Amino acid sequence: MTMDEVIPIVPREARPYQGRQAGLVTRLIAGVIDGVLVVAALVVGYVGVNGAMFLFDPRGFQFSEASPILSVTTGLVVLVLYLTVAWSTIGRTYGCRVMALRVVNHRGGRLRAPVALLRAVLYVMFPIGLFFCAGGAGRRSLQDLVLRTSVIYDWRPGILDRDHPISR
């Protein structure tokens, strides 16, 4: 196979955007996808716990009532863990993968776990901070400004190396 026959990783139409800052709409869509995944995981967990309770006591089984405070707290913790692991390992969540986004540090490399954790906590506690990226040339959210991170377009698959940042 010659170099002319190699299929490029980044689609031709996307090449001008590769490595550029992502905008509000793309980031919101990725966030909604991730939120739906976390809610689905919570529902599966709830059904699993109730299924186990049924197996242990079929005659006395009743669906457990999900406490709103416990449910919201569990959802937020699961979301923070999901974001932290995704950002610190492969640089993207499933929603980011669908929307061709990647979260990078100020050098363009993968986030370290403590930075990813802090970014996830800020992301969950101050979601309104995302709207900062609607204005300004940098398209950076409040979390990005505080932690010197960025969300960029990246169509390349795989894991981003901390030492070999993405070419912008």
Protein backbone atom coordinates (compact mmCIF):
# COMPACT_ATOMS: atom_id res chain seq x y z
CA MET A 1 0.00 0.00 0.00
CA THR A 2 1.43 3.37 -0.99
CA MET A 3 1.10 6.60 0.95
CA ASP A 4 -1.52 7.77 -1.55
CA GLU A 5 -3.73 4.82 -0.63
CA VAL A 6 -3.57 5.39 3.14
CA ILE A 7 -6.86 6.59 4.59
CA PRO A 8 -6.25 9.70 6.70
CA ILE A 9 -7.39 9.61 10.32
CA VAL A 10 -8.87 13.10 10.25
CA PRO A 11 -11.59 13.56 7.61
CA ARG A 12 -10.75 16.16 4.96
CA GLU A 13 -13.68 18.37 5.97
CA ALA A 14 -12.57 18.33 9.61
CA ARG A 15 -8.89 19.14 9.08
CA PRO A 16 -9.31 22.93 9.42
CA TYR A 17 -10.90 22.37 12.86
CA GLN A 18 -8.48 19.74 14.20
CA GLY A 19 -6.96 21.04 17.45
CA ARG A 20 -9.12 24.19 17.58
CA GLN A 21 -11.19 25.19 20.61
CA ALA A 22 -14.66 23.64 20.74
CA GLY A 23 -17.72 25.84 21.05
CA LEU A 24 -20.66 25.89 23.42
CA VAL A 25 -23.15 23.85 21.37
CA THR A 26 -20.77 20.98 20.70
CA ARG A 27 -19.76 20.86 24.34
CA LEU A 28 -23.38 20.99 25.51
CA ILE A 29 -24.32 18.06 23.26
CA ALA A 30 -21.39 16.04 24.61
CA GLY A 31 -22.46 16.90 28.16
CA VAL A 32 -26.05 15.80 27.52
CA ILE A 33 -24.80 12.48 26.12
CA ASP A 34 -22.65 11.96 29.22
CA GLY A 35 -25.55 12.91 31.50
CA VAL A 36 -27.82 10.37 29.79
CA LEU A 37 -25.13 7.69 30.26
CA VAL A 38 -24.83 8.44 33.97
CA VAL A 39 -28.60 8.38 34.46
CA ALA A 40 -28.76 5.06 32.58
CA ALA A 41 -26.02 3.67 34.83
CA LEU A 42 -27.97 4.76 37.91
CA VAL A 43 -31.15 3.13 36.61
CA VAL A 44 -29.26 -0.10 35.89
CA GLY A 45 -27.78 0.05 39.40
CA TYR A 46 -31.21 0.60 40.95
CA VAL A 47 -32.71 -2.30 39.02
CA GLY A 48 -29.71 -4.46 39.92
CA VAL A 49 -30.03 -3.74 43.65
CA ASN A 50 -33.75 -4.46 43.56
CA GLY A 51 -33.13 -7.63 41.54
CA ALA A 52 -30.67 -8.84 44.16
CA MET A 53 -33.16 -8.05 46.93
CA PHE A 54 -35.78 -10.05 45.04
CA LEU A 55 -33.43 -13.04 44.73
CA PHE A 56 -32.72 -13.03 48.47
CA ASP A 57 -36.37 -12.65 49.57
CA PRO A 58 -38.88 -13.21 46.73
CA ARG A 59 -41.95 -13.45 49.01
CA GLY A 60 -41.27 -10.27 50.95
CA PHE A 61 -39.90 -8.26 48.02
CA GLN A 62 -40.96 -4.66 47.46
CA PHE A 63 -39.19 -2.15 45.27
CA SER A 64 -37.05 0.11 47.43
CA GLU A 65 -37.89 3.78 47.38
CA ALA A 66 -35.09 5.86 45.98
CA SER A 67 -34.43 8.82 48.25
CA PRO A 68 -34.18 11.99 46.13
CA ILE A 69 -31.21 13.31 48.13
CA LEU A 70 -29.38 10.00 47.98
CA SER A 71 -30.16 9.61 44.27
CA VAL A 72 -28.87 13.08 43.37
CA THR A 73 -25.77 12.67 45.54
CA THR A 74 -25.03 9.26 44.02
CA GLY A 75 -25.56 10.67 40.52
CA LEU A 76 -23.16 13.56 41.14
CA VAL A 77 -20.51 11.26 42.61
CA VAL A 78 -20.82 8.83 39.69
CA LEU A 79 -20.60 11.73 37.23
CA VAL A 80 -17.46 13.13 38.91
CA LEU A 81 -15.82 9.69 38.90
CA TYR A 82 -16.79 9.07 35.27
CA LEU A 83 -15.42 12.44 34.13
CA THR A 84 -12.23 12.10 36.17
CA VAL A 85 -11.38 8.64 34.88
CA ALA A 86 -12.22 9.52 31.27
CA TRP A 87 -10.31 12.81 31.21
CA SER A 88 -7.24 11.46 32.99
CA THR A 89 -6.94 8.24 30.98
CA ILE A 90 -8.03 8.84 27.39
CA GLY A 91 -8.78 12.56 27.48
CA ARG A 92 -12.42 12.20 26.51
CA THR A 93 -15.76 10.89 27.70
CA TYR A 94 -18.15 8.98 25.48
CA GLY A 95 -20.00 12.23 24.73
CA CYS A 96 -16.69 13.85 23.76
CA ARG A 97 -15.89 10.90 21.51
CA VAL A 98 -19.22 11.21 19.71
CA MET A 99 -18.67 14.95 19.21
CA ALA A 100 -14.92 14.57 18.36
CA LEU A 101 -13.77 16.50 21.42
CA ARG A 102 -10.84 16.05 23.76
CA VAL A 103 -9.93 17.76 27.04
CA VAL A 104 -6.29 18.80 27.16
CA ASN A 105 -3.97 20.64 29.54
CA HIS A 106 -2.28 23.98 28.77
CA ARG A 107 0.42 22.16 26.78
CA GLY A 108 -2.07 20.18 24.71
CA GLY A 109 -1.45 16.91 26.57
CA ARG A 110 -3.62 14.66 28.69
CA LEU A 111 -4.77 15.85 32.13
CA ARG A 112 -3.20 14.43 35.26
CA ALA A 113 -5.63 12.73 37.66
CA PRO A 114 -5.72 15.52 40.30
CA VAL A 115 -6.44 18.17 37.65
CA ALA A 116 -9.08 15.94 36.04
CA LEU A 117 -10.72 15.41 39.45
CA LEU A 118 -10.75 19.12 40.25
CA ARG A 119 -12.09 19.92 36.76
CA ALA A 120 -14.83 17.30 37.18
CA VAL A 121 -15.85 18.70 40.58
CA LEU A 122 -15.97 22.25 39.18
CA TYR A 123 -17.86 21.00 36.12
CA VAL A 124 -20.50 19.32 38.29
CA MET A 125 -20.77 22.01 40.96
CA PHE A 126 -20.75 25.02 38.59
CA PRO A 127 -22.27 23.85 35.29
CA ILE A 128 -23.13 27.46 34.45
CA GLY A 129 -19.37 27.99 34.03
CA LEU A 130 -19.66 26.25 30.66
CA PHE A 131 -21.43 29.32 29.28
CA PHE A 132 -18.21 31.32 29.61
CA CYS A 133 -17.07 29.58 26.42
CA ALA A 134 -19.89 31.23 24.47
CA GLY A 135 -18.11 34.56 24.62
CA GLY A 136 -14.50 35.42 24.10
CA ALA A 137 -12.03 34.29 21.50
CA GLY A 138 -10.61 31.49 23.66
CA ARG A 139 -13.91 29.56 23.94
CA ARG A 140 -12.91 28.51 27.42
CA SER A 141 -15.29 27.68 30.26
CA LEU A 142 -14.82 28.86 33.81
CA GLN A 143 -13.27 25.47 34.62
CA ASP A 144 -10.85 25.85 31.69
CA LEU A 145 -9.81 29.33 32.81
CA VAL A 146 -9.20 28.28 36.42
CA LEU A 147 -7.31 25.07 35.61
CA ARG A 148 -5.67 26.11 32.31
CA THR A 149 -7.37 23.37 30.33
CA SER A 150 -9.07 23.39 26.93
CA VAL A 151 -11.64 21.39 25.03
CA ILE A 152 -10.53 20.93 21.45
CA TYR A 153 -11.74 19.16 18.36
CA ASP A 154 -9.84 15.92 17.88
CA TRP A 155 -10.93 13.22 15.46
CA ARG A 156 -7.96 10.99 16.16
CA PRO A 157 -8.80 7.78 18.03
CA GLY A 158 -6.89 6.43 20.97
CA ILE A 159 -5.15 7.76 24.00
CA LEU A 160 -3.38 11.09 24.06
CA ASP A 161 0.10 10.89 25.56
CA ARG A 162 0.94 13.36 28.32
CA ASP A 163 4.40 13.93 26.83
CA HIS A 164 3.39 14.16 23.19
CA PRO A 165 0.65 16.77 22.89
CA ILE A 166 -1.75 17.04 20.02
CA SER A 167 -0.55 19.04 17.06
CA ARG A 168 -2.73 22.09 16.66
